[in-house]
Amino acid sequence: MTRLLAIAAGLAVIAGLGITYAMTMMKGEDDQFAQCRASNVAGGAAQIGGAFTLVSETGETVTDKEVIDQPSLIYFGYTFCPDVCPLDGARNAAAVDLLEDRGAM
């Protein structure tokens, strides 16, 4: 009896996966995130550079004129990212080295 239940459960899982796959393929090429990508909040084509105003960790307003007096790299990191942060840190360090080699810093 247990073997019969295991076989039935396995067939149910396989059928469920097959139905899910079929429904996904029938859906077509609709991009469910197209509207999100078009916005400036989650994507789009933001302009790089220019004036900005931020709030420091102490709640003070900081502008670009107060903090940038030479070529700068402004990086918005993550609160927890064991996979991405080391790569981003290495990339940013390489960018600073490149700018220093070119005499830009």
PDB file of N, CA and C in Angstrom:
ATOM      1  N   MET A   1       0.821  -1.199   0.000  1.00  0.00           N
ATOM      2  CA  MET A   1       0.000   0.000   0.000  1.00  0.00           C
ATOM      3  C   MET A   1       0.865   1.263   0.000  1.00  0.00           C
ATOM      4  N   THR A   2       1.959   1.253   0.798  1.00  0.00           N
ATOM      5  CA  THR A   2       2.847   2.409   0.864  1.00  0.00           C
ATOM      6  C   THR A   2       3.503   2.662  -0.489  1.00  0.00           C
ATOM      7  N   ARG A   3       3.867   1.565  -1.141  1.00  0.00           N
ATOM      8  CA  ARG A   3       4.499   1.703  -2.459  1.00  0.00           C
ATOM      9  C   ARG A   3       3.524   2.318  -3.459  1.00  0.00           C
ATOM     10  N   LEU A   4       2.279   1.917  -3.391  1.00  0.00           N
ATOM     11  CA  LEU A   4       1.249   2.448  -4.283  1.00  0.00           C
ATOM     12  C   LEU A   4       1.048   3.946  -4.040  1.00  0.00           C
ATOM     13  N   LEU A   5       1.060   4.372  -2.776  1.00  0.00           N
ATOM     14  CA  LEU A   5       0.931   5.798  -2.455  1.00  0.00           C
ATOM     15  C   LEU A   5       2.136   6.589  -2.963  1.00  0.00           C
ATOM     16  N   ALA A   6       3.326   6.019  -2.833  1.00  0.00           N
ATOM     17  CA  ALA A   6       4.531   6.696  -3.316  1.00  0.00           C
ATOM     18  C   ALA A   6       4.478   6.871  -4.829  1.00  0.00           C
ATOM     19  N   ILE A   7       4.034   5.854  -5.526  1.00  0.00           N
ATOM     20  CA  ILE A   7       3.922   5.945  -6.987  1.00  0.00           C
ATOM     21  C   ILE A   7       2.871   6.987  -7.370  1.00  0.00           C
ATOM     22  N   ALA A   8       1.738   6.977  -6.675  1.00  0.00           N
ATOM     23  CA  ALA A   8       0.675   7.949  -6.965  1.00  0.00           C
ATOM     24  C   ALA A   8       1.156   9.369  -6.692  1.00  0.00           C
ATOM     25  N   ALA A   9       1.882   9.567  -5.586  1.00  0.00           N
ATOM     26  CA  ALA A   9       2.403  10.898  -5.265  1.00  0.00           C
ATOM     27  C   ALA A   9       3.414  11.345  -6.316  1.00  0.00           C
ATOM     28  N   GLY A  10       4.272  10.437  -6.744  1.00  0.00           N
ATOM     29  CA  GLY A  10       5.253  10.765  -7.782  1.00  0.00           C
ATOM     30  C   GLY A  10       4.584  11.153  -9.085  1.00  0.00           C
ATOM     31  N   LEU A  11       3.551  10.409  -9.464  1.00  0.00           N
ATOM     32  CA  LEU A  11       2.821  10.732 -10.691  1.00  0.00           C
ATOM     33  C   LEU A  11       2.108  12.075 -10.570  1.00  0.00           C
ATOM     34  N   ALA A  12       1.576  12.367  -9.376  1.00  0.00           N
ATOM     35  CA  ALA A  12       0.905  13.655  -9.172  1.00  0.00           C
ATOM     36  C   ALA A  12       1.896  14.806  -9.303  1.00  0.00           C
ATOM     37  N   VAL A  13       3.095  14.633  -8.754  1.00  0.00           N
ATOM     38  CA  VAL A  13       4.123  15.677  -8.861  1.00  0.00           C
ATOM     39  C   VAL A  13       4.527  15.866 -10.316  1.00  0.00           C
ATOM     40  N   ILE A  14       4.742  14.766 -11.025  1.00  0.00           N
ATOM     41  CA  ILE A  14       5.128  14.852 -12.438  1.00  0.00           C
ATOM     42  C   ILE A  14       4.017  15.521 -13.253  1.00  0.00           C
ATOM     43  N   ALA A  15       2.769  15.159 -12.979  1.00  0.00           N
ATOM     44  CA  ALA A  15       1.648  15.779 -13.696  1.00  0.00           C
ATOM     45  C   ALA A  15       1.575  17.271 -13.385  1.00  0.00           C
ATOM     46  N   GLY A  16       1.772  17.630 -12.125  1.00  0.00           N
ATOM     47  CA  GLY A  16       1.751  19.045 -11.746  1.00  0.00           C
ATOM     48  C   GLY A  16       2.840  19.835 -12.443  1.00  0.00           C
ATOM     49  N   LEU A  17       4.039  19.266 -12.495  1.00  0.00           N
ATOM     50  CA  LEU A  17       5.138  19.940 -13.192  1.00  0.00           C
ATOM     51  C   LEU A  17       4.845  20.075 -14.683  1.00  0.00           C
ATOM     52  N   GLY A  18       4.260  19.024 -15.259  1.00  0.00           N
ATOM     53  CA  GLY A  18       3.910  19.077 -16.676  1.00  0.00           C
ATOM     54  C   GLY A  18       2.867  20.143 -16.970  1.00  0.00           C
ATOM     55  N   ILE A  19       1.869  20.242 -16.112  1.00  0.00           N
ATOM     56  CA  ILE A  19       0.830  21.257 -16.297  1.00  0.00           C
ATOM     57  C   ILE A  19       1.418  22.655 -16.141  1.00  0.00           C
ATOM     58  N   THR A  20       2.273  22.826 -15.142  1.00  0.00           N
ATOM     59  CA  THR A  20       2.915  24.129 -14.939  1.00  0.00           C
ATOM     60  C   THR A  20       3.757  24.514 -16.146  1.00  0.00           C
ATOM     61  N   TYR A  21       4.522  23.568 -16.666  1.00  0.00           N
ATOM     62  CA  TYR A  21       5.349  23.829 -17.848  1.00  0.00           C
ATOM     63  C   TYR A  21       4.475  24.194 -19.047  1.00  0.00           C
ATOM     64  N   ALA A  22       3.396  23.438 -19.250  1.00  0.00           N
ATOM     65  CA  ALA A  22       2.513  23.703 -20.391  1.00  0.00           C
ATOM     66  C   ALA A  22       1.877  25.084 -20.279  1.00  0.00           C
ATOM     67  N   MET A  23       1.441  25.450 -19.084  1.00  0.00           N
ATOM     68  CA  MET A  23       0.824  26.767 -18.908  1.00  0.00           C
ATOM     69  C   MET A  23       1.841  27.882 -19.139  1.00  0.00           C
ATOM     70  N   THR A  24       3.069  27.659 -18.720  1.00  0.00           N
ATOM     71  CA  THR A  24       4.116  28.659 -18.927  1.00  0.00           C
ATOM     72  C   THR A  24       4.411  28.830 -20.412  1.00  0.00           C
ATOM     73  N   MET A  25       4.463  27.735 -21.139  1.00  0.00           N
ATOM     74  CA  MET A  25       4.759  27.803 -22.565  1.00  0.00           C
ATOM     75  C   MET A  25       3.598  28.403 -23.349  1.00  0.00           C
ATOM     76  N   MET A  26       2.371  28.169 -22.923  1.00  0.00           N
ATOM     77  CA  MET A  26       1.212  28.718 -23.623  1.00  0.00           C
ATOM     78  C   MET A  26       1.069  30.211 -23.395  1.00  0.00           C
ATOM     79  N   LYS A  27       1.640  30.690 -22.334  1.00  0.00           N
ATOM     80  CA  LYS A  27       1.514  32.106 -21.997  1.00  0.00           C
ATOM     81  C   LYS A  27       2.162  32.990 -23.059  1.00  0.00           C
ATOM     82  N   GLY A  28       3.144  32.472 -23.754  1.00  0.00           N
ATOM     83  CA  GLY A  28       3.790  33.233 -24.815  1.00  0.00           C
ATOM     84  C   GLY A  28       4.936  34.080 -24.306  1.00  0.00           C
ATOM     85  N   GLU A  29       5.247  35.105 -25.059  1.00  0.00           N
ATOM     86  CA  GLU A  29       6.394  35.958 -24.767  1.00  0.00           C
ATOM     87  C   GLU A  29       6.026  37.188 -23.952  1.00  0.00           C
ATOM     88  N   ASP A  30       4.887  37.167 -23.287  1.00  0.00           N
ATOM     89  CA  ASP A  30       4.489  38.312 -22.471  1.00  0.00           C
ATOM     90  C   ASP A  30       5.531  38.560 -21.389  1.00  0.00           C
ATOM     91  N   ASP A  31       6.003  39.756 -21.322  1.00  0.00           N
ATOM     92  CA  ASP A  31       6.974  40.132 -20.302  1.00  0.00           C
ATOM     93  C   ASP A  31       6.209  40.699 -19.118  1.00  0.00           C
ATOM     94  N   GLN A  32       6.099  39.916 -18.067  1.00  0.00           N
ATOM     95  CA  GLN A  32       5.306  40.348 -16.923  1.00  0.00           C
ATOM     96  C   GLN A  32       5.943  41.509 -16.173  1.00  0.00           C
ATOM     97  N   PHE A  33       7.212  41.806 -16.452  1.00  0.00           N
ATOM     98  CA  PHE A  33       7.891  42.899 -15.775  1.00  0.00           C
ATOM     99  C   PHE A  33       8.122  44.109 -16.682  1.00  0.00           C
ATOM    100  N   ALA A  34       7.498  44.133 -17.853  1.00  0.00           N
ATOM    101  CA  ALA A  34       7.722  45.218 -18.811  1.00  0.00           C
ATOM    102  C   ALA A  34       7.345  46.572 -18.225  1.00  0.00           C
ATOM    103  N   GLN A  35       6.218  46.649 -17.551  1.00  0.00           N
ATOM    104  CA  GLN A  35       5.785  47.917 -16.976  1.00  0.00           C
ATOM    105  C   GLN A  35       6.750  48.369 -15.883  1.00  0.00           C
ATOM    106  N   CYS A  36       7.242  47.426 -15.114  1.00  0.00           N
ATOM    107  CA  CYS A  36       8.183  47.749 -14.039  1.00  0.00           C
ATOM    108  C   CYS A  36       9.502  48.260 -14.616  1.00  0.00           C
ATOM    109  N   ARG A  37       9.992  47.632 -15.679  1.00  0.00           N
ATOM    110  CA  ARG A  37      11.259  48.049 -16.286  1.00  0.00           C
ATOM    111  C   ARG A  37      11.167  49.436 -16.915  1.00  0.00           C
ATOM    112  N   ALA A  38       9.982  49.819 -17.333  1.00  0.00           N
ATOM    113  CA  ALA A  38       9.813  51.104 -18.002  1.00  0.00           C
ATOM    114  C   ALA A  38       9.797  52.269 -17.024  1.00  0.00           C
ATOM    115  N   SER A  39       9.600  51.994 -15.745  1.00  0.00           N
ATOM    116  CA  SER A  39       9.534  53.084 -14.768  1.00  0.00           C
ATOM    117  C   SER A  39      10.931  53.478 -14.312  1.00  0.00           C
ATOM    118  N   ASN A  40      11.041  54.659 -13.761  1.00  0.00           N
ATOM    119  CA  ASN A  40      12.328  55.105 -13.240  1.00  0.00           C
ATOM    120  C   ASN A  40      12.615  54.541 -11.860  1.00  0.00           C
ATOM    121  N   VAL A  41      11.622  53.938 -11.229  1.00  0.00           N
ATOM    122  CA  VAL A  41      11.834  53.371  -9.899  1.00  0.00           C
ATOM    123  C   VAL A  41      12.612  52.074  -9.994  1.00  0.00           C
ATOM    124  N   ALA A  42      12.225  51.195 -10.897  1.00  0.00           N
ATOM    125  CA  ALA A  42      12.848  49.884 -10.962  1.00  0.00           C
ATOM    126  C   ALA A  42      13.674  49.683 -12.221  1.00  0.00           C
ATOM    127  N   GLY A  43      13.883  50.688 -12.983  1.00  0.00           N
ATOM    128  CA  GLY A  43      14.642  50.516 -14.210  1.00  0.00           C
ATOM    129  C   GLY A  43      14.562  51.766 -15.035  1.00  0.00           C
ATOM    130  N   GLY A  44      14.489  51.587 -16.309  1.00  0.00           N
ATOM    131  CA  GLY A  44      14.424  52.742 -17.184  1.00  0.00           C
ATOM    132  C   GLY A  44      15.814  53.263 -17.480  1.00  0.00           C
ATOM    133  N   ALA A  45      15.879  54.479 -17.938  1.00  0.00           N
ATOM    134  CA  ALA A  45      17.151  55.077 -18.318  1.00  0.00           C
ATOM    135  C   ALA A  45      17.368  56.339 -17.496  1.00  0.00           C
ATOM    136  N   ALA A  46      17.838  56.166 -16.286  1.00  0.00           N
ATOM    137  CA  ALA A  46      18.108  57.316 -15.429  1.00  0.00           C
ATOM    138  C   ALA A  46      19.319  58.073 -15.951  1.00  0.00           C
ATOM    139  N   GLN A  47      19.343  59.351 -15.708  1.00  0.00           N
ATOM    140  CA  GLN A  47      20.486  60.145 -16.119  1.00  0.00           C
ATOM    141  C   GLN A  47      21.589  59.991 -15.086  1.00  0.00           C
ATOM    142  N   ILE A  48      22.807  59.889 -15.554  1.00  0.00           N
ATOM    143  CA  ILE A  48      23.949  59.735 -14.665  1.00  0.00           C
ATOM    144  C   ILE A  48      24.624  61.079 -14.518  1.00  0.00           C
ATOM    145  N   GLY A  49      24.947  61.419 -13.284  1.00  0.00           N
ATOM    146  CA  GLY A  49      25.612  62.689 -13.012  1.00  0.00           C
ATOM    147  C   GLY A  49      24.611  63.758 -12.641  1.00  0.00           C
ATOM    148  N   GLY A  50      25.145  64.913 -12.309  1.00  0.00           N
ATOM    149  CA  GLY A  50      24.278  66.023 -11.957  1.00  0.00           C
ATOM    150  C   GLY A  50      24.149  66.205 -10.462  1.00  0.00           C
ATOM    151  N   ALA A  51      23.412  67.220 -10.110  1.00  0.00           N
ATOM    152  CA  ALA A  51      23.239  67.571  -8.702  1.00  0.00           C
ATOM    153  C   ALA A  51      22.393  66.532  -7.981  1.00  0.00           C
ATOM    154  N   PHE A  52      22.662  66.371  -6.682  1.00  0.00           N
ATOM    155  CA  PHE A  52      21.859  65.464  -5.876  1.00  0.00           C
ATOM    156  C   PHE A  52      21.809  65.952  -4.438  1.00  0.00           C
ATOM    157  N   THR A  53      20.812  65.471  -3.730  1.00  0.00           N
ATOM    158  CA  THR A  53      20.652  65.737  -2.304  1.00  0.00           C
ATOM    159  C   THR A  53      20.363  64.411  -1.624  1.00  0.00           C
ATOM    160  N   LEU A  54      21.130  64.101  -0.579  1.00  0.00           N
ATOM    161  CA  LEU A  54      20.955  62.857   0.165  1.00  0.00           C
ATOM    162  C   LEU A  54      20.797  63.174   1.642  1.00  0.00           C
ATOM    163  N   VAL A  55      20.412  62.176   2.410  1.00  0.00           N
ATOM    164  CA  VAL A  55      20.315  62.319   3.859  1.00  0.00           C
ATOM    165  C   VAL A  55      21.344  61.387   4.482  1.00  0.00           C
ATOM    166  N   SER A  56      22.197  61.936   5.357  1.00  0.00           N
ATOM    167  CA  SER A  56      23.244  61.135   5.992  1.00  0.00           C
ATOM    168  C   SER A  56      22.657  60.230   7.064  1.00  0.00           C
ATOM    169  N   GLU A  57      23.511  59.367   7.614  1.00  0.00           N
ATOM    170  CA  GLU A  57      23.050  58.452   8.656  1.00  0.00           C
ATOM    171  C   GLU A  57      22.634  59.183   9.931  1.00  0.00           C
ATOM    172  N   THR A  58      23.044  60.439  10.072  1.00  0.00           N
ATOM    173  CA  THR A  58      22.648  61.236  11.242  1.00  0.00           C
ATOM    174  C   THR A  58      21.441  62.119  10.956  1.00  0.00           C
ATOM    175  N   GLY A  59      20.889  62.032   9.736  1.00  0.00           N
ATOM    176  CA  GLY A  59      19.704  62.797   9.390  1.00  0.00           C
ATOM    177  C   GLY A  59      19.985  64.148   8.764  1.00  0.00           C
ATOM    178  N   GLU A  60      21.252  64.475   8.553  1.00  0.00           N
ATOM    179  CA  GLU A  60      21.607  65.759   7.944  1.00  0.00           C
ATOM    180  C   GLU A  60      21.493  65.671   6.427  1.00  0.00           C
ATOM    181  N   THR A  61      21.096  66.766   5.805  1.00  0.00           N
ATOM    182  CA  THR A  61      21.027  66.841   4.352  1.00  0.00           C
ATOM    183  C   THR A  61      22.421  67.101   3.798  1.00  0.00           C
ATOM    184  N   VAL A  62      22.784  66.337   2.795  1.00  0.00           N
ATOM    185  CA  VAL A  62      24.095  66.461   2.161  1.00  0.00           C
ATOM    186  C   VAL A  62      23.870  66.649   0.666  1.00  0.00           C
ATOM    187  N   THR A  63      24.543  67.627   0.074  1.00  0.00           N
ATOM    188  CA  THR A  63      24.422  67.861  -1.368  1.00  0.00           C
ATOM    189  C   THR A  63      25.725  67.503  -2.058  1.00  0.00           C
ATOM    190  N   ASP A  64      25.652  67.434  -3.360  1.00  0.00           N
ATOM    191  CA  ASP A  64      26.848  67.119  -4.143  1.00  0.00           C
ATOM    192  C   ASP A  64      27.932  68.171  -3.961  1.00  0.00           C
ATOM    193  N   LYS A  65      27.563  69.411  -3.779  1.00  0.00           N
ATOM    194  CA  LYS A  65      28.551  70.485  -3.638  1.00  0.00           C
ATOM    195  C   LYS A  65      29.356  70.355  -2.348  1.00  0.00           C
ATOM    196  N   GLU A  66      28.782  69.704  -1.338  1.00  0.00           N
ATOM    197  CA  GLU A  66      29.461  69.545  -0.055  1.00  0.00           C
ATOM    198  C   GLU A  66      30.449  68.386  -0.045  1.00  0.00           C
ATOM    199  N   VAL A  67      30.221  67.384  -0.859  1.00  0.00           N
ATOM    200  CA  VAL A  67      31.051  66.177  -0.763  1.00  0.00           C
ATOM    201  C   VAL A  67      31.933  65.907  -1.975  1.00  0.00           C
ATOM    202  N   ILE A  68      31.623  66.505  -3.103  1.00  0.00           N
ATOM    203  CA  ILE A  68      32.412  66.201  -4.297  1.00  0.00           C
ATOM    204  C   ILE A  68      33.264  67.403  -4.666  1.00  0.00           C
ATOM    205  N   ASP A  69      34.575  67.234  -4.486  1.00  0.00           N
ATOM    206  CA  ASP A  69      35.497  68.289  -4.899  1.00  0.00           C
ATOM    207  C   ASP A  69      36.548  67.745  -5.854  1.00  0.00           C
ATOM    208  N   GLN A  70      36.393  66.482  -6.243  1.00  0.00           N
ATOM    209  CA  GLN A  70      37.272  65.833  -7.216  1.00  0.00           C
ATOM    210  C   GLN A  70      36.478  64.676  -7.827  1.00  0.00           C
ATOM    211  N   PRO A  71      36.989  64.033  -8.861  1.00  0.00           N
ATOM    212  CA  PRO A  71      36.257  62.889  -9.412  1.00  0.00           C
ATOM    213  C   PRO A  71      35.958  61.879  -8.301  1.00  0.00           C
ATOM    214  N   SER A  72      34.737  61.431  -8.244  1.00  0.00           N
ATOM    215  CA  SER A  72      34.307  60.577  -7.139  1.00  0.00           C
ATOM    216  C   SER A  72      33.485  59.403  -7.643  1.00  0.00           C
ATOM    217  N   LEU A  73      33.532  58.346  -6.873  1.00  0.00           N
ATOM    218  CA  LEU A  73      32.699  57.180  -7.122  1.00  0.00           C
ATOM    219  C   LEU A  73      31.701  57.099  -5.978  1.00  0.00           C
ATOM    220  N   ILE A  74      30.433  57.250  -6.300  1.00  0.00           N
ATOM    221  CA  ILE A  74      29.391  57.155  -5.289  1.00  0.00           C
ATOM    222  C   ILE A  74      28.742  55.792  -5.451  1.00  0.00           C
ATOM    223  N   TYR A  75      28.802  55.025  -4.395  1.00  0.00           N
ATOM    224  CA  TYR A  75      28.334  53.640  -4.442  1.00  0.00           C
ATOM    225  C   TYR A  75      27.230  53.430  -3.418  1.00  0.00           C
ATOM    226  N   PHE A  76      26.115  52.902  -3.866  1.00  0.00           N
ATOM    227  CA  PHE A  76      25.023  52.550  -2.971  1.00  0.00           C
ATOM    228  C   PHE A  76      25.070  51.043  -2.780  1.00  0.00           C
ATOM    229  N   GLY A  77      25.579  50.614  -1.650  1.00  0.00           N
ATOM    230  CA  GLY A  77      25.746  49.189  -1.378  1.00  0.00           C
ATOM    231  C   GLY A  77      24.490  48.556  -0.813  1.00  0.00           C
ATOM    232  N   TYR A  78      24.674  47.415  -0.237  1.00  0.00           N
ATOM    233  CA  TYR A  78      23.577  46.614   0.281  1.00  0.00           C
ATOM    234  C   TYR A  78      23.774  46.412   1.779  1.00  0.00           C
ATOM    235  N   THR A  79      22.705  46.077   2.488  1.00  0.00           N
ATOM    236  CA  THR A  79      22.826  45.843   3.924  1.00  0.00           C
ATOM    237  C   THR A  79      23.380  44.458   4.215  1.00  0.00           C
ATOM    238  N   PHE A  80      23.130  43.495   3.355  1.00  0.00           N
ATOM    239  CA  PHE A  80      23.665  42.143   3.529  1.00  0.00           C
ATOM    240  C   PHE A  80      23.786  41.517   2.156  1.00  0.00           C
ATOM    241  N   CYS A  81      25.003  41.202   1.767  1.00  0.00           N
ATOM    242  CA  CYS A  81      25.189  40.657   0.423  1.00  0.00           C
ATOM    243  C   CYS A  81      26.495  39.876   0.345  1.00  0.00           C
ATOM    244  N   PRO A  82      26.537  38.690   0.894  1.00  0.00           N
ATOM    245  CA  PRO A  82      27.781  37.925   0.865  1.00  0.00           C
ATOM    246  C   PRO A  82      28.217  37.531  -0.546  1.00  0.00           C
ATOM    247  N   ASP A  83      27.307  37.547  -1.510  1.00  0.00           N
ATOM    248  CA  ASP A  83      27.658  37.154  -2.875  1.00  0.00           C
ATOM    249  C   ASP A  83      28.083  38.332  -3.737  1.00  0.00           C
ATOM    250  N   VAL A  84      27.411  39.465  -3.591  1.00  0.00           N
ATOM    251  CA  VAL A  84      27.611  40.592  -4.499  1.00  0.00           C
ATOM    252  C   VAL A  84      28.635  41.593  -3.984  1.00  0.00           C
ATOM    253  N   CYS A  85      28.579  41.921  -2.706  1.00  0.00           N
ATOM    254  CA  CYS A  85      29.428  42.995  -2.169  1.00  0.00           C
ATOM    255  C   CYS A  85      30.924  42.791  -2.403  1.00  0.00           C
ATOM    256  N   PRO A  86      31.467  41.598  -2.200  1.00  0.00           N
ATOM    257  CA  PRO A  86      32.903  41.446  -2.469  1.00  0.00           C
ATOM    258  C   PRO A  86      33.261  41.748  -3.922  1.00  0.00           C
ATOM    259  N   LEU A  87      32.395  41.358  -4.839  1.00  0.00           N
ATOM    260  CA  LEU A  87      32.647  41.640  -6.254  1.00  0.00           C
ATOM    261  C   LEU A  87      32.540  43.130  -6.540  1.00  0.00           C
ATOM    262  N   ASP A  88      31.526  43.773  -5.972  1.00  0.00           N
ATOM    263  CA  ASP A  88      31.364  45.217  -6.159  1.00  0.00           C
ATOM    264  C   ASP A  88      32.539  45.973  -5.561  1.00  0.00           C
ATOM    265  N   GLY A  89      32.978  45.561  -4.385  1.00  0.00           N
ATOM    266  CA  GLY A  89      34.115  46.228  -3.744  1.00  0.00           C
ATOM    267  C   GLY A  89      35.374  46.118  -4.587  1.00  0.00           C
ATOM    268  N   ALA A  90      35.624  44.938  -5.136  1.00  0.00           N
ATOM    269  CA  ALA A  90      36.798  44.744  -5.991  1.00  0.00           C
ATOM    270  C   ALA A  90      36.688  45.583  -7.262  1.00  0.00           C
ATOM    271  N   ARG A  91      35.504  45.633  -7.852  1.00  0.00           N
ATOM    272  CA  ARG A  91      35.306  46.439  -9.057  1.00  0.00           C
ATOM    273  C   ARG A  91      35.515  47.921  -8.768  1.00  0.00           C
ATOM    274  N   ASN A  92      34.988  48.387  -7.645  1.00  0.00           N
ATOM    275  CA  ASN A  92      35.134  49.797  -7.293  1.00  0.00           C
ATOM    276  C   ASN A  92      36.587  50.145  -7.002  1.00  0.00           C
ATOM    277  N   ALA A  93      37.309  49.248  -6.339  1.00  0.00           N
ATOM    278  CA  ALA A  93      38.731  49.481  -6.074  1.00  0.00           C
ATOM    279  C   ALA A  93      39.512  49.542  -7.381  1.00  0.00           C
ATOM    280  N   ALA A  94      39.168  48.683  -8.332  1.00  0.00           N
ATOM    281  CA  ALA A  94      39.838  48.711  -9.636  1.00  0.00           C
ATOM    282  C   ALA A  94      39.537  50.012 -10.369  1.00  0.00           C
ATOM    283  N   ALA A  95      38.319  50.519 -10.240  1.00  0.00           N
ATOM    284  CA  ALA A  95      37.966  51.791 -10.882  1.00  0.00           C
ATOM    285  C   ALA A  95      38.774  52.935 -10.286  1.00  0.00           C
ATOM    286  N   VAL A  96      38.927  52.944  -8.967  1.00  0.00           N
ATOM    287  CA  VAL A  96      39.724  53.991  -8.315  1.00  0.00           C
ATOM    288  C   VAL A  96      41.180  53.895  -8.752  1.00  0.00           C
ATOM    289  N   ASP A  97      41.723  52.682  -8.813  1.00  0.00           N
ATOM    290  CA  ASP A  97      43.108  52.503  -9.272  1.00  0.00           C
ATOM    291  C   ASP A  97      43.280  53.013 -10.696  1.00  0.00           C
ATOM    292  N   LEU A  98      42.321  52.723 -11.546  1.00  0.00           N
ATOM    293  CA  LEU A  98      42.378  53.174 -12.935  1.00  0.00           C
ATOM    294  C   LEU A  98      42.367  54.695 -13.014  1.00  0.00           C
ATOM    295  N   LEU A  99      41.510  55.330 -12.236  1.00  0.00           N
ATOM    296  CA  LEU A  99      41.462  56.794 -12.224  1.00  0.00           C
ATOM    297  C   LEU A  99      42.762  57.386 -11.690  1.00  0.00           C
ATOM    298  N   GLU A 100      43.335  56.761 -10.670  1.00  0.00           N
ATOM    299  CA  GLU A 100      44.607  57.251 -10.129  1.00  0.00           C
ATOM    300  C   GLU A 100      45.723  57.112 -11.159  1.00  0.00           C
ATOM    301  N   ASP A 101      45.744  55.982 -11.880  1.00  0.00           N
ATOM    302  CA  ASP A 101      46.763  55.771 -12.916  1.00  0.00           C
ATOM    303  C   ASP A 101      46.667  56.810 -14.024  1.00  0.00           C
ATOM    304  N   ARG A 102      45.463  57.261 -14.306  1.00  0.00           N
ATOM    305  CA  ARG A 102      45.260  58.257 -15.363  1.00  0.00           C
ATOM    306  C   ARG A 102      45.425  59.682 -14.848  1.00  0.00           C
ATOM    307  N   GLY A 103      45.716  59.816 -13.560  1.00  0.00           N
ATOM    308  CA  GLY A 103      45.914  61.135 -12.985  1.00  0.00           C
ATOM    309  C   GLY A 103      44.636  61.894 -12.733  1.00  0.00           C
ATOM    310  N   ALA A 104      43.525  61.195 -12.707  1.00  0.00           N
ATOM    311  CA  ALA A 104      42.244  61.861 -12.509  1.00  0.00           C
ATOM    312  C   ALA A 104      41.910  62.038 -11.035  1.00  0.00           C
ATOM    313  N   MET A 105      42.703  61.448 -10.176  1.00  0.00           N
ATOM    314  CA  MET A 105      42.428  61.576  -8.733  1.00  0.00           C
ATOM    315  C   MET A 105      43.691  61.988  -8.007  1.00  0.00           C
TER     316      MET A 105
END
